[in-house]
PDB file of N, CA and C in Angstrom:
ATOM      1  N   MET A   1      -1.560  18.005   7.144  1.00  0.00           N
ATOM      2  CA  MET A   1      -0.382  17.175   7.145  1.00  0.00           C
ATOM      3  C   MET A   1      -0.066  16.725   5.718  1.00  0.00           C
ATOM      4  N   LEU A   2       1.193  16.772   5.373  1.00  0.00           N
ATOM      5  CA  LEU A   2       1.643  16.323   4.064  1.00  0.00           C
ATOM      6  C   LEU A   2       2.456  15.053   4.212  1.00  0.00           C
ATOM      7  N   TYR A   3       2.384  14.216   3.201  1.00  0.00           N
ATOM      8  CA  TYR A   3       3.115  12.956   3.190  1.00  0.00           C
ATOM      9  C   TYR A   3       3.879  12.823   1.879  1.00  0.00           C
ATOM     10  N   LEU A   4       5.076  12.246   1.976  1.00  0.00           N
ATOM     11  CA  LEU A   4       5.944  12.053   0.820  1.00  0.00           C
ATOM     12  C   LEU A   4       6.063  10.568   0.523  1.00  0.00           C
ATOM     13  N   LEU A   5       5.756  10.199  -0.712  1.00  0.00           N
ATOM     14  CA  LEU A   5       5.894   8.816  -1.175  1.00  0.00           C
ATOM     15  C   LEU A   5       7.096   8.738  -2.097  1.00  0.00           C
ATOM     16  N   GLU A   6       7.989   7.805  -1.835  1.00  0.00           N
ATOM     17  CA  GLU A   6       9.088   7.479  -2.746  1.00  0.00           C
ATOM     18  C   GLU A   6       8.927   6.009  -3.085  1.00  0.00           C
ATOM     19  N   ALA A   7       8.873   5.701  -4.396  1.00  0.00           N
ATOM     20  CA  ALA A   7       8.610   4.323  -4.799  1.00  0.00           C
ATOM     21  C   ALA A   7       9.452   3.928  -6.003  1.00  0.00           C
ATOM     22  N   HIS A   8       9.946   2.698  -5.970  1.00  0.00           N
ATOM     23  CA  HIS A   8      10.617   2.063  -7.109  1.00  0.00           C
ATOM     24  C   HIS A   8       9.704   0.942  -7.577  1.00  0.00           C
ATOM     25  N   VAL A   9       9.277   1.028  -8.835  1.00  0.00           N
ATOM     26  CA  VAL A   9       8.336   0.055  -9.391  1.00  0.00           C
ATOM     27  C   VAL A   9       9.101  -0.859 -10.344  1.00  0.00           C
ATOM     28  N   THR A  10       8.995  -2.163 -10.135  1.00  0.00           N
ATOM     29  CA  THR A  10       9.689  -3.133 -10.976  1.00  0.00           C
ATOM     30  C   THR A  10       8.683  -3.973 -11.758  1.00  0.00           C
ATOM     31  N   GLY A  11       9.177  -4.585 -12.822  1.00  0.00           N
ATOM     32  CA  GLY A  11       8.360  -5.404 -13.701  1.00  0.00           C
ATOM     33  C   GLY A  11       8.428  -4.839 -15.109  1.00  0.00           C
ATOM     34  N   LYS A  12       7.415  -5.117 -15.891  1.00  0.00           N
ATOM     35  CA  LYS A  12       7.333  -4.532 -17.239  1.00  0.00           C
ATOM     36  C   LYS A  12       6.675  -3.161 -17.087  1.00  0.00           C
ATOM     37  N   VAL A  13       7.517  -2.149 -16.817  1.00  0.00           N
ATOM     38  CA  VAL A  13       7.000  -0.819 -16.493  1.00  0.00           C
ATOM     39  C   VAL A  13       7.573   0.279 -17.391  1.00  0.00           C
ATOM     40  N   GLN A  14       8.408  -0.087 -18.340  1.00  0.00           N
ATOM     41  CA  GLN A  14       8.891   0.889 -19.314  1.00  0.00           C
ATOM     42  C   GLN A  14       8.356   0.513 -20.687  1.00  0.00           C
ATOM     43  N   ARG A  15       8.131   1.546 -21.506  1.00  0.00           N
ATOM     44  CA  ARG A  15       7.563   1.393 -22.859  1.00  0.00           C
ATOM     45  C   ARG A  15       6.130   0.850 -22.840  1.00  0.00           C
ATOM     46  N   VAL A  16       5.417   1.121 -21.739  1.00  0.00           N
ATOM     47  CA  VAL A  16       4.016   0.693 -21.620  1.00  0.00           C
ATOM     48  C   VAL A  16       3.130   1.846 -21.135  1.00  0.00           C
ATOM     49  N   MET A  17       3.594   3.080 -21.332  1.00  0.00           N
ATOM     50  CA  MET A  17       2.856   4.281 -20.923  1.00  0.00           C
ATOM     51  C   MET A  17       2.724   4.410 -19.401  1.00  0.00           C
ATOM     52  N   PHE A  18       3.673   3.829 -18.663  1.00  0.00           N
ATOM     53  CA  PHE A  18       3.595   3.867 -17.205  1.00  0.00           C
ATOM     54  C   PHE A  18       3.747   5.286 -16.675  1.00  0.00           C
ATOM     55  N   ARG A  19       4.719   6.034 -17.202  1.00  0.00           N
ATOM     56  CA  ARG A  19       4.932   7.399 -16.705  1.00  0.00           C
ATOM     57  C   ARG A  19       3.708   8.275 -16.977  1.00  0.00           C
ATOM     58  N   ASP A  20       3.121   8.124 -18.150  1.00  0.00           N
ATOM     59  CA  ASP A  20       1.926   8.897 -18.469  1.00  0.00           C
ATOM     60  C   ASP A  20       0.770   8.521 -17.538  1.00  0.00           C
ATOM     61  N   PHE A  21       0.643   7.236 -17.255  1.00  0.00           N
ATOM     62  CA  PHE A  21      -0.368   6.750 -16.316  1.00  0.00           C
ATOM     63  C   PHE A  21      -0.185   7.410 -14.950  1.00  0.00           C
ATOM     64  N   VAL A  22       1.053   7.436 -14.469  1.00  0.00           N
ATOM     65  CA  VAL A  22       1.340   8.039 -13.157  1.00  0.00           C
ATOM     66  C   VAL A  22       1.046   9.535 -13.187  1.00  0.00           C
ATOM     67  N   LEU A  23       1.439  10.211 -14.256  1.00  0.00           N
ATOM     68  CA  LEU A  23       1.184  11.644 -14.392  1.00  0.00           C
ATOM     69  C   LEU A  23      -0.319  11.941 -14.318  1.00  0.00           C
ATOM     70  N   ARG A  24      -1.115  11.192 -15.061  1.00  0.00           N
ATOM     71  CA  ARG A  24      -2.565  11.415 -15.057  1.00  0.00           C
ATOM     72  C   ARG A  24      -3.169  11.162 -13.681  1.00  0.00           C
ATOM     73  N   LYS A  25      -2.733  10.091 -13.008  1.00  0.00           N
ATOM     74  CA  LYS A  25      -3.253   9.788 -11.670  1.00  0.00           C
ATOM     75  C   LYS A  25      -2.845  10.865 -10.669  1.00  0.00           C
ATOM     76  N   ALA A  26      -1.597  11.328 -10.764  1.00  0.00           N
ATOM     77  CA  ALA A  26      -1.106  12.355  -9.842  1.00  0.00           C
ATOM     78  C   ALA A  26      -1.883  13.658 -10.013  1.00  0.00           C
ATOM     79  N   LYS A  27      -2.123  14.040 -11.254  1.00  0.00           N
ATOM     80  CA  LYS A  27      -2.883  15.281 -11.507  1.00  0.00           C
ATOM     81  C   LYS A  27      -4.304  15.148 -10.972  1.00  0.00           C
ATOM     82  N   LYS A  28      -4.912  13.980 -11.154  1.00  0.00           N
ATOM     83  CA  LYS A  28      -6.265  13.758 -10.650  1.00  0.00           C
ATOM     84  C   LYS A  28      -6.312  13.834  -9.124  1.00  0.00           C
ATOM     85  N   LEU A  29      -5.265  13.313  -8.479  1.00  0.00           N
ATOM     86  CA  LEU A  29      -5.193  13.319  -7.016  1.00  0.00           C
ATOM     87  C   LEU A  29      -4.607  14.612  -6.453  1.00  0.00           C
ATOM     88  N   LYS A  30      -4.191  15.522  -7.343  1.00  0.00           N
ATOM     89  CA  LYS A  30      -3.593  16.804  -6.954  1.00  0.00           C
ATOM     90  C   LYS A  30      -2.314  16.617  -6.142  1.00  0.00           C
ATOM     91  N   LEU A  31      -1.500  15.652  -6.588  1.00  0.00           N
ATOM     92  CA  LEU A  31      -0.194  15.422  -5.975  1.00  0.00           C
ATOM     93  C   LEU A  31       0.859  16.198  -6.752  1.00  0.00           C
ATOM     94  N   SER A  32       1.965  16.506  -6.100  1.00  0.00           N
ATOM     95  CA  SER A  32       3.092  17.133  -6.786  1.00  0.00           C
ATOM     96  C   SER A  32       4.296  16.215  -6.660  1.00  0.00           C
ATOM     97  N   GLY A  33       5.206  16.327  -7.628  1.00  0.00           N
ATOM     98  CA  GLY A  33       6.397  15.485  -7.614  1.00  0.00           C
ATOM     99  C   GLY A  33       6.804  15.124  -9.026  1.00  0.00           C
ATOM    100  N   PHE A  34       7.337  13.896  -9.198  1.00  0.00           N
ATOM    101  CA  PHE A  34       7.787  13.486 -10.526  1.00  0.00           C
ATOM    102  C   PHE A  34       7.816  11.975 -10.659  1.00  0.00           C
ATOM    103  N   VAL A  35       7.902  11.538 -11.913  1.00  0.00           N
ATOM    104  CA  VAL A  35       8.089  10.129 -12.257  1.00  0.00           C
ATOM    105  C   VAL A  35       9.224  10.075 -13.270  1.00  0.00           C
ATOM    106  N   GLN A  36      10.065   9.031 -13.174  1.00  0.00           N
ATOM    107  CA  GLN A  36      11.232   8.943 -14.060  1.00  0.00           C
ATOM    108  C   GLN A  36      11.610   7.487 -14.293  1.00  0.00           C
ATOM    109  N   ASN A  37      11.891   7.150 -15.565  1.00  0.00           N
ATOM    110  CA  ASN A  37      12.468   5.843 -15.877  1.00  0.00           C
ATOM    111  C   ASN A  37      13.888   5.784 -15.342  1.00  0.00           C
ATOM    112  N   GLN A  38      14.296   4.595 -14.900  1.00  0.00           N
ATOM    113  CA  GLN A  38      15.653   4.385 -14.414  1.00  0.00           C
ATOM    114  C   GLN A  38      16.412   3.486 -15.394  1.00  0.00           C
ATOM    115  N   LYS A  39      17.722   3.563 -15.362  1.00  0.00           N
ATOM    116  CA  LYS A  39      18.551   2.761 -16.273  1.00  0.00           C
ATOM    117  C   LYS A  39      18.355   1.268 -16.074  1.00  0.00           C
ATOM    118  N   ASP A  40      18.001   0.857 -14.860  1.00  0.00           N
ATOM    119  CA  ASP A  40      17.852  -0.576 -14.570  1.00  0.00           C
ATOM    120  C   ASP A  40      16.489  -1.148 -14.991  1.00  0.00           C
ATOM    121  N   GLY A  41      15.661  -0.344 -15.663  1.00  0.00           N
ATOM    122  CA  GLY A  41      14.368  -0.820 -16.142  1.00  0.00           C
ATOM    123  C   GLY A  41      13.215  -0.564 -15.188  1.00  0.00           C
ATOM    124  N   THR A  42      13.494   0.010 -14.029  1.00  0.00           N
ATOM    125  CA  THR A  42      12.440   0.334 -13.075  1.00  0.00           C
ATOM    126  C   THR A  42      11.924   1.747 -13.335  1.00  0.00           C
ATOM    127  N   VAL A  43      10.894   2.111 -12.611  1.00  0.00           N
ATOM    128  CA  VAL A  43      10.367   3.473 -12.635  1.00  0.00           C
ATOM    129  C   VAL A  43      10.410   4.003 -11.203  1.00  0.00           C
ATOM    130  N   PHE A  44      10.891   5.239 -11.056  1.00  0.00           N
ATOM    131  CA  PHE A  44      10.962   5.885  -9.751  1.00  0.00           C
ATOM    132  C   PHE A  44       9.907   6.971  -9.676  1.00  0.00           C
ATOM    133  N   VAL A  45       9.168   6.996  -8.567  1.00  0.00           N
ATOM    134  CA  VAL A  45       8.120   7.991  -8.346  1.00  0.00           C
ATOM    135  C   VAL A  45       8.368   8.660  -7.001  1.00  0.00           C
ATOM    136  N   LYS A  46       8.286   9.983  -7.013  1.00  0.00           N
ATOM    137  CA  LYS A  46       8.390  10.749  -5.776  1.00  0.00           C
ATOM    138  C   LYS A  46       7.273  11.775  -5.808  1.00  0.00           C
ATOM    139  N   CYS A  47       6.378  11.706  -4.833  1.00  0.00           N
ATOM    140  CA  CYS A  47       5.258  12.642  -4.831  1.00  0.00           C
ATOM    141  C   CYS A  47       4.806  12.943  -3.413  1.00  0.00           C
ATOM    142  N   CYS A  48       4.140  14.084  -3.277  1.00  0.00           N
ATOM    143  CA  CYS A  48       3.625  14.425  -1.955  1.00  0.00           C
ATOM    144  C   CYS A  48       2.236  15.026  -2.062  1.00  0.00           C
ATOM    145  N   GLY A  49       1.527  14.897  -0.959  1.00  0.00           N
ATOM    146  CA  GLY A  49       0.157  15.384  -0.852  1.00  0.00           C
ATOM    147  C   GLY A  49      -0.427  14.904   0.457  1.00  0.00           C
ATOM    148  N   ASN A  50      -1.748  14.923   0.566  1.00  0.00           N
ATOM    149  CA  ASN A  50      -2.343  14.444   1.817  1.00  0.00           C
ATOM    150  C   ASN A  50      -2.250  12.915   1.877  1.00  0.00           C
ATOM    151  N   LYS A  51      -2.402  12.379   3.069  1.00  0.00           N
ATOM    152  CA  LYS A  51      -2.179  10.953   3.296  1.00  0.00           C
ATOM    153  C   LYS A  51      -3.069  10.070   2.429  1.00  0.00           C
ATOM    154  N   GLU A  52      -4.348  10.396   2.356  1.00  0.00           N
ATOM    155  CA  GLU A  52      -5.290   9.578   1.589  1.00  0.00           C
ATOM    156  C   GLU A  52      -4.911   9.524   0.108  1.00  0.00           C
ATOM    157  N   ASP A  53      -4.534  10.656  -0.463  1.00  0.00           N
ATOM    158  CA  ASP A  53      -4.190  10.685  -1.887  1.00  0.00           C
ATOM    159  C   ASP A  53      -2.858   9.998  -2.168  1.00  0.00           C
ATOM    160  N   VAL A  54      -1.911  10.121  -1.259  1.00  0.00           N
ATOM    161  CA  VAL A  54      -0.626   9.422  -1.411  1.00  0.00           C
ATOM    162  C   VAL A  54      -0.855   7.912  -1.369  1.00  0.00           C
ATOM    163  N   GLU A  55      -1.717   7.467  -0.469  1.00  0.00           N
ATOM    164  CA  GLU A  55      -2.024   6.036  -0.397  1.00  0.00           C
ATOM    165  C   GLU A  55      -2.762   5.554  -1.644  1.00  0.00           C
ATOM    166  N   LYS A  56      -3.629   6.392  -2.224  1.00  0.00           N
ATOM    167  CA  LYS A  56      -4.296   6.043  -3.479  1.00  0.00           C
ATOM    168  C   LYS A  56      -3.280   5.917  -4.607  1.00  0.00           C
ATOM    169  N   MET A  57      -2.297   6.812  -4.628  1.00  0.00           N
ATOM    170  CA  MET A  57      -1.253   6.730  -5.650  1.00  0.00           C
ATOM    171  C   MET A  57      -0.491   5.425  -5.510  1.00  0.00           C
ATOM    172  N   LEU A  58      -0.164   5.033  -4.299  1.00  0.00           N
ATOM    173  CA  LEU A  58       0.548   3.771  -4.081  1.00  0.00           C
ATOM    174  C   LEU A  58      -0.260   2.602  -4.639  1.00  0.00           C
ATOM    175  N   GLU A  59      -1.559   2.589  -4.414  1.00  0.00           N
ATOM    176  CA  GLU A  59      -2.403   1.524  -4.960  1.00  0.00           C
ATOM    177  C   GLU A  59      -2.394   1.548  -6.485  1.00  0.00           C
ATOM    178  N   ASN A  60      -2.391   2.741  -7.082  1.00  0.00           N
ATOM    179  CA  ASN A  60      -2.303   2.856  -8.539  1.00  0.00           C
ATOM    180  C   ASN A  60      -0.977   2.316  -9.054  1.00  0.00           C
ATOM    181  N   LEU A  61       0.107   2.587  -8.345  1.00  0.00           N
ATOM    182  CA  LEU A  61       1.419   2.093  -8.756  1.00  0.00           C
ATOM    183  C   LEU A  61       1.462   0.568  -8.736  1.00  0.00           C
ATOM    184  N   LYS A  62       0.804  -0.022  -7.771  1.00  0.00           N
ATOM    185  CA  LYS A  62       0.788  -1.482  -7.663  1.00  0.00           C
ATOM    186  C   LYS A  62       0.019  -2.127  -8.813  1.00  0.00           C
ATOM    187  N   LYS A  63      -0.959  -1.419  -9.368  1.00  0.00           N
ATOM    188  CA  LYS A  63      -1.760  -1.941 -10.481  1.00  0.00           C
ATOM    189  C   LYS A  63      -1.119  -1.604 -11.823  1.00  0.00           C
ATOM    190  N   GLY A  64      -0.758  -0.346 -12.002  1.00  0.00           N
ATOM    191  CA  GLY A  64      -0.186   0.100 -13.265  1.00  0.00           C
ATOM    192  C   GLY A  64      -1.211   0.168 -14.374  1.00  0.00           C
ATOM    193  N   PRO A  65      -0.801   0.667 -15.542  1.00  0.00           N
ATOM    194  CA  PRO A  65      -1.711   0.729 -16.691  1.00  0.00           C
ATOM    195  C   PRO A  65      -1.917  -0.650 -17.300  1.00  0.00           C
ATOM    196  N   PHE A  66      -2.821  -0.734 -18.238  1.00  0.00           N
ATOM    197  CA  PHE A  66      -3.229  -1.997 -18.850  1.00  0.00           C
ATOM    198  C   PHE A  66      -2.056  -2.801 -19.413  1.00  0.00           C
ATOM    199  N   LEU A  67      -1.124  -2.153 -20.106  1.00  0.00           N
ATOM    200  CA  LEU A  67      -0.020  -2.865 -20.760  1.00  0.00           C
ATOM    201  C   LEU A  67       1.122  -3.245 -19.815  1.00  0.00           C
ATOM    202  N   ALA A  68       1.124  -2.702 -18.611  1.00  0.00           N
ATOM    203  CA  ALA A  68       2.206  -2.969 -17.658  1.00  0.00           C
ATOM    204  C   ALA A  68       1.994  -4.289 -16.924  1.00  0.00           C
ATOM    205  N   ASN A  69       3.079  -4.785 -16.355  1.00  0.00           N
ATOM    206  CA  ASN A  69       3.036  -5.955 -15.487  1.00  0.00           C
ATOM    207  C   ASN A  69       3.901  -5.640 -14.278  1.00  0.00           C
ATOM    208  N   VAL A  70       3.277  -5.071 -13.251  1.00  0.00           N
ATOM    209  CA  VAL A  70       4.009  -4.664 -12.050  1.00  0.00           C
ATOM    210  C   VAL A  70       4.319  -5.893 -11.213  1.00  0.00           C
ATOM    211  N   LYS A  71       5.606  -6.085 -10.926  1.00  0.00           N
ATOM    212  CA  LYS A  71       6.008  -7.219 -10.082  1.00  0.00           C
ATOM    213  C   LYS A  71       6.124  -6.809  -8.625  1.00  0.00           C
ATOM    214  N   ASP A  72       6.660  -5.604  -8.373  1.00  0.00           N
ATOM    215  CA  ASP A  72       6.873  -5.182  -6.994  1.00  0.00           C
ATOM    216  C   ASP A  72       6.945  -3.664  -6.931  1.00  0.00           C
ATOM    217  N   VAL A  73       6.579  -3.138  -5.777  1.00  0.00           N
ATOM    218  CA  VAL A  73       6.732  -1.712  -5.501  1.00  0.00           C
ATOM    219  C   VAL A  73       7.407  -1.589  -4.145  1.00  0.00           C
ATOM    220  N   GLU A  74       8.660  -1.160  -4.163  1.00  0.00           N
ATOM    221  CA  GLU A  74       9.365  -0.861  -2.917  1.00  0.00           C
ATOM    222  C   GLU A  74       9.125   0.610  -2.632  1.00  0.00           C
ATOM    223  N   TYR A  75       8.651   0.911  -1.438  1.00  0.00           N
ATOM    224  CA  TYR A  75       8.256   2.290  -1.165  1.00  0.00           C
ATOM    225  C   TYR A  75       8.493   2.694   0.281  1.00  0.00           C
ATOM    226  N   SER A  76       8.470   3.997   0.471  1.00  0.00           N
ATOM    227  CA  SER A  76       8.453   4.567   1.815  1.00  0.00           C
ATOM    228  C   SER A  76       7.491   5.746   1.788  1.00  0.00           C
ATOM    229  N   ILE A  77       6.781   5.921   2.880  1.00  0.00           N
ATOM    230  CA  ILE A  77       5.898   7.071   3.055  1.00  0.00           C
ATOM    231  C   ILE A  77       6.282   7.715   4.374  1.00  0.00           C
ATOM    232  N   LYS A  78       6.537   9.010   4.316  1.00  0.00           N
ATOM    233  CA  LYS A  78       6.867   9.706   5.556  1.00  0.00           C
ATOM    234  C   LYS A  78       6.179  11.056   5.598  1.00  0.00           C
ATOM    235  N   GLN A  79       5.925  11.501   6.796  1.00  0.00           N
ATOM    236  CA  GLN A  79       5.300  12.802   6.995  1.00  0.00           C
ATOM    237  C   GLN A  79       6.358  13.886   6.795  1.00  0.00           C
ATOM    238  N   VAL A  80       5.969  14.959   6.095  1.00  0.00           N
ATOM    239  CA  VAL A  80       6.872  16.081   5.850  1.00  0.00           C
ATOM    240  C   VAL A  80       6.169  17.385   6.205  1.00  0.00           C
ATOM    241  N   ASP A  81       6.973  18.401   6.479  1.00  0.00           N
ATOM    242  CA  ASP A  81       6.411  19.709   6.818  1.00  0.00           C
ATOM    243  C   ASP A  81       5.955  20.482   5.585  1.00  0.00           C
ATOM    244  N   GLU A  82       6.685  20.277   4.481  1.00  0.00           N
ATOM    245  CA  GLU A  82       6.329  20.979   3.256  1.00  0.00           C
ATOM    246  C   GLU A  82       6.679  20.123   2.042  1.00  0.00           C
ATOM    247  N   CYS A  83       6.035  20.445   0.946  1.00  0.00           N
ATOM    248  CA  CYS A  83       6.308  19.758  -0.306  1.00  0.00           C
ATOM    249  C   CYS A  83       7.242  20.641  -1.129  1.00  0.00           C
ATOM    250  N   LYS A  84       8.286  20.043  -1.677  1.00  0.00           N
ATOM    251  CA  LYS A  84       9.280  20.813  -2.425  1.00  0.00           C
ATOM    252  C   LYS A  84       8.955  20.907  -3.915  1.00  0.00           C
ATOM    253  N   PHE A  85       7.797  20.409  -4.322  1.00  0.00           N
ATOM    254  CA  PHE A  85       7.400  20.416  -5.731  1.00  0.00           C
ATOM    255  C   PHE A  85       6.156  21.281  -5.908  1.00  0.00           C
ATOM    256  N   ASN A  86       6.077  21.960  -7.047  1.00  0.00           N
ATOM    257  CA  ASN A  86       4.920  22.805  -7.332  1.00  0.00           C
ATOM    258  C   ASN A  86       3.854  22.089  -8.154  1.00  0.00           C
ATOM    259  N   ASP A  87       4.281  21.107  -8.939  1.00  0.00           N
ATOM    260  CA  ASP A  87       3.367  20.366  -9.793  1.00  0.00           C
ATOM    261  C   ASP A  87       3.907  18.952  -9.967  1.00  0.00           C
ATOM    262  N   PHE A  88       3.280  18.183 -10.825  1.00  0.00           N
ATOM    263  CA  PHE A  88       3.758  16.832 -11.096  1.00  0.00           C
ATOM    264  C   PHE A  88       4.203  16.760 -12.540  1.00  0.00           C
ATOM    265  N   LYS A  89       5.362  16.133 -12.762  1.00  0.00           N
ATOM    266  CA  LYS A  89       5.866  16.059 -14.132  1.00  0.00           C
ATOM    267  C   LYS A  89       6.641  14.781 -14.367  1.00  0.00           C
ATOM    268  N   ILE A  90       6.828  14.500 -15.648  1.00  0.00           N
ATOM    269  CA  ILE A  90       7.691  13.403 -16.082  1.00  0.00           C
ATOM    270  C   ILE A  90       9.086  13.991 -16.269  1.00  0.00           C
ATOM    271  N   ILE A  91      10.077  13.357 -15.677  1.00  0.00           N
ATOM    272  CA  ILE A  91      11.460  13.770 -15.896  1.00  0.00           C
ATOM    273  C   ILE A  91      12.064  12.811 -16.918  1.00  0.00           C
ATOM    274  N   TYR A  92      12.511  13.372 -18.025  1.00  0.00           N
ATOM    275  CA  TYR A  92      13.142  12.586 -19.080  1.00  0.00           C
ATOM    276  C   TYR A  92      14.642  12.602 -18.856  1.00  0.00           C
ATOM    277  N   ARG A  93      15.257  11.439 -18.896  1.00  0.00           N
ATOM    278  CA  ARG A  93      16.706  11.349 -18.683  1.00  0.00           C
ATOM    279  C   ARG A  93      17.479  11.907 -19.852  1.00  0.00           C
ATOM    280  N   ASN A  94      17.010  11.703 -21.058  1.00  0.00           N
ATOM    281  CA  ASN A  94      17.664  12.259 -22.233  1.00  0.00           C
ATOM    282  C   ASN A  94      16.641  12.361 -23.355  1.00  0.00           C
ATOM    283  N   PHE A  95      17.024  12.971 -24.421  1.00  0.00           N
ATOM    284  CA  PHE A  95      16.107  13.221 -25.533  1.00  0.00           C
ATOM    285  C   PHE A  95      15.495  11.924 -26.071  1.00  0.00           C
ATOM    286  N   LEU A  96      16.298  10.888 -26.258  1.00  0.00           N
ATOM    287  CA  LEU A  96      15.804   9.636 -26.833  1.00  0.00           C
ATOM    288  C   LEU A  96      14.850   8.905 -25.898  1.00  0.00           C
ATOM    289  N   ASP A  97      14.869   9.237 -24.628  1.00  0.00           N
ATOM    290  CA  ASP A  97      13.973   8.618 -23.656  1.00  0.00           C
ATOM    291  C   ASP A  97      12.516   9.009 -23.930  1.00  0.00           C
ATOM    292  N   ARG A  98      12.309  10.042 -24.700  1.00  0.00           N
ATOM    293  CA  ARG A  98      10.949  10.492 -24.995  1.00  0.00           C
ATOM    294  C   ARG A  98      10.263   9.603 -26.020  1.00  0.00           C
ATOM    295  N   PHE A  99      11.003   8.746 -26.713  1.00  0.00           N
ATOM    296  CA  PHE A  99      10.428   7.946 -27.792  1.00  0.00           C
ATOM    297  C   PHE A  99      10.478   6.475 -27.489  1.00  0.00           C
TER     298      PHE A  99
END
């Protein structure tokens, strides 16, 4: 069984290595999907994998990396038949978003 997590993370979550933190955790958990900064200052995460690993990712999102200050994580988890992602990556909105 595969599960899909969609999460919006709020707080001090940009410019604190949050996306890199999520990428490293996702690769360790063998999840596929993506993480992306949003214009409103939040971070959006969409990933899929087995239930236990998706739930571990959610717990990681609630903690965040050392420099972050996570205030809230709005999320949904649902069962899916297949995962539409082959790997996990950071999606950059534009070139300057990389710096």
